[in-house]
């Protein structure tokens, strides 16, 4: 991943901003730190791209797989592996 060099007046560099990214998305930062992260994300395209990726990934995890079912052959293989692991017949 490429990073942007800190510029005069920057509060955070890329590493520091990305270290705070998950807490920023969960709104668990102080207002001052959140403002620094937001300011960095607004001016740094690579970090902004990372933010969007993480947001989309988290949304995908929250979206239920409605109507999706594990294929029967795979279900059978898993059940058989569990039986063998547990020492069953």
N, C-alpha and C. Protein backbone atom coordinates (compact mmCIF):
# COMPACT_ATOMS: atom_id res chain seq x y z
N UNK A 1 0.84 -1.17 0.00
CA UNK A 1 0.00 0.00 0.00
C UNK A 1 0.89 1.23 0.00
N UNK A 2 0.56 2.17 -0.83
CA UNK A 2 1.36 3.39 -0.86
C UNK A 2 0.87 4.33 0.23
N UNK A 3 1.78 5.12 0.74
CA UNK A 3 1.41 6.07 1.77
C UNK A 3 1.82 7.46 1.34
N UNK A 4 1.16 8.43 1.88
CA UNK A 4 1.45 9.83 1.58
C UNK A 4 2.36 10.35 2.67
N UNK A 5 3.37 11.10 2.27
CA UNK A 5 4.27 11.72 3.24
C UNK A 5 3.52 12.83 3.98
N UNK A 6 3.75 12.96 5.28
CA UNK A 6 3.11 14.06 6.00
C UNK A 6 3.56 15.41 5.45
N UNK A 7 2.65 16.35 5.40
CA UNK A 7 2.96 17.70 4.94
C UNK A 7 2.86 18.64 6.13
N UNK A 8 3.41 19.82 5.97
CA UNK A 8 3.34 20.81 7.05
C UNK A 8 1.89 21.05 7.42
N UNK A 9 1.59 21.00 8.71
CA UNK A 9 0.25 21.23 9.18
C UNK A 9 -0.61 19.99 9.24
N UNK A 10 -0.11 18.86 8.71
CA UNK A 10 -0.86 17.61 8.79
C UNK A 10 -0.89 17.13 10.23
N UNK A 11 -2.05 16.68 10.68
CA UNK A 11 -2.14 16.13 12.01
C UNK A 11 -1.69 14.70 12.06
N UNK A 12 -1.98 13.94 11.03
CA UNK A 12 -1.68 12.51 11.01
C UNK A 12 -1.02 12.12 9.69
N UNK A 13 -0.13 11.14 9.75
CA UNK A 13 0.35 10.55 8.51
C UNK A 13 -0.54 9.35 8.18
N UNK A 14 -0.28 8.69 7.07
CA UNK A 14 -1.13 7.57 6.65
C UNK A 14 -1.16 6.45 7.67
N UNK A 15 -0.02 6.08 8.20
CA UNK A 15 0.02 4.97 9.17
C UNK A 15 -0.83 5.30 10.39
N UNK A 16 -0.71 6.51 10.89
CA UNK A 16 -1.48 6.90 12.08
C UNK A 16 -2.98 6.95 11.76
N UNK A 17 -3.33 7.47 10.60
CA UNK A 17 -4.74 7.54 10.22
C UNK A 17 -5.33 6.15 10.06
N UNK A 18 -4.61 5.26 9.39
CA UNK A 18 -5.11 3.91 9.17
C UNK A 18 -5.18 3.11 10.47
N UNK A 19 -4.27 3.40 11.40
CA UNK A 19 -4.33 2.74 12.71
C UNK A 19 -5.63 3.10 13.45
N UNK A 20 -6.17 4.26 13.17
CA UNK A 20 -7.38 4.74 13.84
C UNK A 20 -8.66 4.44 13.04
N UNK A 21 -8.53 3.86 11.85
CA UNK A 21 -9.65 3.75 10.93
C UNK A 21 -10.85 3.01 11.51
N UNK A 22 -10.63 1.85 12.12
CA UNK A 22 -11.75 1.07 12.63
C UNK A 22 -12.45 1.79 13.79
N UNK A 23 -11.66 2.40 14.67
CA UNK A 23 -12.27 3.17 15.75
C UNK A 23 -13.01 4.39 15.19
N UNK A 24 -12.49 4.98 14.14
CA UNK A 24 -13.16 6.10 13.49
C UNK A 24 -14.52 5.66 12.95
N UNK A 25 -14.56 4.53 12.28
CA UNK A 25 -15.82 4.04 11.72
C UNK A 25 -16.82 3.66 12.81
N UNK A 26 -16.34 3.19 13.94
CA UNK A 26 -17.22 2.83 15.06
C UNK A 26 -17.56 4.05 15.92
N UNK A 27 -17.04 5.21 15.55
CA UNK A 27 -17.25 6.47 16.27
C UNK A 27 -16.80 6.36 17.72
N UNK A 28 -15.61 5.76 17.90
CA UNK A 28 -15.06 5.57 19.24
C UNK A 28 -13.86 6.46 19.52
N UNK A 29 -13.67 7.49 18.71
CA UNK A 29 -12.56 8.42 18.91
C UNK A 29 -13.07 9.70 19.56
N UNK A 30 -12.17 10.39 20.21
CA UNK A 30 -12.54 11.71 20.72
C UNK A 30 -12.84 12.60 19.52
N UNK A 31 -13.62 13.64 19.72
CA UNK A 31 -13.92 14.54 18.60
C UNK A 31 -12.66 15.10 17.94
N UNK A 32 -11.65 15.41 18.72
CA UNK A 32 -10.43 15.99 18.15
C UNK A 32 -9.70 14.98 17.28
N UNK A 33 -9.57 13.75 17.74
CA UNK A 33 -8.88 12.72 16.97
C UNK A 33 -9.70 12.37 15.73
N UNK A 34 -11.01 12.27 15.88
CA UNK A 34 -11.88 11.97 14.74
C UNK A 34 -11.73 13.06 13.67
N UNK A 35 -11.63 14.30 14.09
CA UNK A 35 -11.46 15.40 13.13
C UNK A 35 -10.12 15.28 12.40
N UNK A 36 -9.07 14.88 13.10
CA UNK A 36 -7.76 14.68 12.46
C UNK A 36 -7.82 13.56 11.44
N UNK A 37 -8.45 12.45 11.82
CA UNK A 37 -8.58 11.31 10.89
C UNK A 37 -9.39 11.73 9.68
N UNK A 38 -10.52 12.38 9.91
CA UNK A 38 -11.38 12.83 8.81
C UNK A 38 -10.63 13.77 7.88
N UNK A 39 -9.87 14.71 8.44
CA UNK A 39 -9.10 15.65 7.63
C UNK A 39 -8.08 14.90 6.77
N UNK A 40 -7.42 13.90 7.35
CA UNK A 40 -6.44 13.14 6.58
C UNK A 40 -7.15 12.38 5.45
N UNK A 41 -8.27 11.74 5.77
CA UNK A 41 -9.00 10.97 4.76
C UNK A 41 -9.49 11.85 3.62
N UNK A 42 -9.84 13.08 3.92
CA UNK A 42 -10.33 14.00 2.89
C UNK A 42 -9.24 14.44 1.93
N UNK A 43 -7.99 14.42 2.38
CA UNK A 43 -6.92 14.91 1.49
C UNK A 43 -6.03 13.79 0.96
N UNK A 44 -6.21 12.56 1.43
CA UNK A 44 -5.32 11.46 1.02
C UNK A 44 -6.11 10.40 0.26
N UNK A 45 -5.94 10.36 -1.05
CA UNK A 45 -6.71 9.43 -1.88
C UNK A 45 -6.48 7.97 -1.51
N UNK A 46 -5.23 7.51 -1.27
CA UNK A 46 -5.06 6.10 -0.91
C UNK A 46 -5.77 5.73 0.39
N UNK A 47 -5.72 6.59 1.38
CA UNK A 47 -6.39 6.30 2.65
C UNK A 47 -7.91 6.36 2.49
N UNK A 48 -8.39 7.29 1.67
CA UNK A 48 -9.83 7.38 1.41
C UNK A 48 -10.31 6.12 0.71
N UNK A 49 -9.52 5.61 -0.22
CA UNK A 49 -9.86 4.36 -0.91
C UNK A 49 -9.94 3.22 0.09
N UNK A 50 -8.99 3.19 1.02
CA UNK A 50 -9.01 2.15 2.06
C UNK A 50 -10.26 2.27 2.94
N UNK A 51 -10.63 3.49 3.30
CA UNK A 51 -11.84 3.74 4.07
C UNK A 51 -13.05 3.16 3.35
N UNK A 52 -13.19 3.46 2.08
CA UNK A 52 -14.34 2.97 1.30
C UNK A 52 -14.33 1.44 1.23
N UNK A 53 -13.17 0.83 1.07
CA UNK A 53 -13.08 -0.63 1.04
C UNK A 53 -13.57 -1.21 2.37
N UNK A 54 -13.09 -0.68 3.47
CA UNK A 54 -13.47 -1.19 4.80
C UNK A 54 -14.96 -1.00 5.01
N UNK A 55 -15.50 0.14 4.62
CA UNK A 55 -16.94 0.37 4.76
C UNK A 55 -17.75 -0.66 3.97
N UNK A 56 -17.34 -0.91 2.72
CA UNK A 56 -18.06 -1.89 1.89
C UNK A 56 -17.92 -3.30 2.47
N UNK A 57 -16.73 -3.63 2.96
CA UNK A 57 -16.50 -4.95 3.54
C UNK A 57 -17.38 -5.14 4.78
N UNK A 58 -17.42 -4.16 5.65
CA UNK A 58 -18.25 -4.26 6.85
C UNK A 58 -19.72 -4.36 6.50
N UNK A 59 -20.16 -3.64 5.49
CA UNK A 59 -21.55 -3.72 5.05
C UNK A 59 -21.86 -5.13 4.53
N UNK A 60 -20.94 -5.71 3.80
CA UNK A 60 -21.13 -7.07 3.30
C UNK A 60 -21.27 -8.05 4.45
N UNK A 61 -20.48 -7.87 5.49
CA UNK A 61 -20.58 -8.75 6.65
C UNK A 61 -21.91 -8.60 7.38
N UNK A 62 -22.48 -7.40 7.37
CA UNK A 62 -23.75 -7.16 8.05
C UNK A 62 -24.95 -7.66 7.24
N UNK A 63 -24.77 -7.82 5.94
CA UNK A 63 -25.86 -8.22 5.07
C UNK A 63 -26.04 -9.74 5.16
N UNK A 64 -27.22 -10.17 5.59
CA UNK A 64 -27.43 -11.61 5.69
C UNK A 64 -27.47 -12.26 4.31
N UNK A 65 -27.07 -13.49 4.28
CA UNK A 65 -27.08 -14.26 3.03
C UNK A 65 -28.46 -14.91 2.88
N UNK A 66 -29.48 -14.10 2.75
CA UNK A 66 -30.85 -14.59 2.67
C UNK A 66 -31.03 -15.55 1.52
N UNK A 67 -31.59 -16.70 1.84
CA UNK A 67 -31.87 -17.69 0.81
C UNK A 67 -30.67 -18.48 0.35
N UNK A 68 -29.50 -18.20 0.89
CA UNK A 68 -28.31 -18.93 0.50
C UNK A 68 -28.17 -20.16 1.38
N UNK A 69 -27.93 -21.28 0.75
CA UNK A 69 -27.81 -22.53 1.49
C UNK A 69 -26.55 -23.24 1.02
N UNK A 70 -25.89 -23.87 1.95
CA UNK A 70 -24.70 -24.65 1.64
C UNK A 70 -25.12 -25.82 0.74
N UNK A 71 -24.40 -26.09 -0.34
CA UNK A 71 -24.75 -27.21 -1.22
C UNK A 71 -24.75 -28.53 -0.45
N UNK A 72 -25.70 -29.41 -0.80
CA UNK A 72 -25.84 -30.68 -0.09
C UNK A 72 -24.56 -31.51 -0.04
N UNK A 73 -23.81 -31.64 -1.14
CA UNK A 73 -22.57 -32.43 -1.04
C UNK A 73 -21.59 -31.87 0.00
N UNK A 74 -21.51 -30.56 0.08
CA UNK A 74 -20.62 -29.95 1.06
C UNK A 74 -21.15 -30.18 2.47
N UNK A 75 -22.45 -30.04 2.66
CA UNK A 75 -23.06 -30.31 3.96
C UNK A 75 -22.77 -31.74 4.41
N UNK A 76 -22.86 -32.68 3.49
CA UNK A 76 -22.60 -34.09 3.81
C UNK A 76 -21.13 -34.29 4.19
N UNK A 77 -20.22 -33.65 3.47
CA UNK A 77 -18.80 -33.77 3.80
C UNK A 77 -18.49 -33.20 5.17
N UNK A 78 -19.11 -32.07 5.49
CA UNK A 78 -18.90 -31.46 6.80
C UNK A 78 -19.46 -32.35 7.90
N UNK A 79 -20.66 -32.86 7.70
CA UNK A 79 -21.27 -33.74 8.70
C UNK A 79 -20.42 -34.99 8.92
N UNK A 80 -19.90 -35.56 7.84
CA UNK A 80 -19.05 -36.76 7.96
C UNK A 80 -17.76 -36.41 8.70
N UNK A 81 -17.15 -35.29 8.39
CA UNK A 81 -15.92 -34.89 9.07
C UNK A 81 -16.18 -34.68 10.56
N UNK A 82 -17.31 -34.10 10.91
CA UNK A 82 -17.65 -33.92 12.32
C UNK A 82 -17.88 -35.26 13.02
N UNK A 83 -18.55 -36.17 12.34
CA UNK A 83 -18.77 -37.51 12.93
C UNK A 83 -17.44 -38.19 13.21
N UNK A 84 -16.54 -38.13 12.24
CA UNK A 84 -15.22 -38.76 12.42
C UNK A 84 -14.43 -38.08 13.55
N UNK A 85 -14.49 -36.75 13.61
CA UNK A 85 -13.77 -35.99 14.63
C UNK A 85 -14.29 -36.33 16.04
N UNK A 86 -15.59 -36.52 16.11
CA UNK A 86 -16.20 -36.81 17.42
C UNK A 86 -16.20 -38.32 17.75
N UNK A 87 -15.70 -39.11 16.82
CA UNK A 87 -15.60 -40.56 17.06
C UNK A 87 -16.92 -41.29 16.93
N UNK A 88 -17.84 -40.70 16.22
CA UNK A 88 -19.15 -41.34 16.05
C UNK A 88 -19.17 -42.34 14.91
N UNK A 89 -20.29 -43.00 14.73
CA UNK A 89 -20.42 -44.01 13.65
C UNK A 89 -20.41 -43.41 12.26
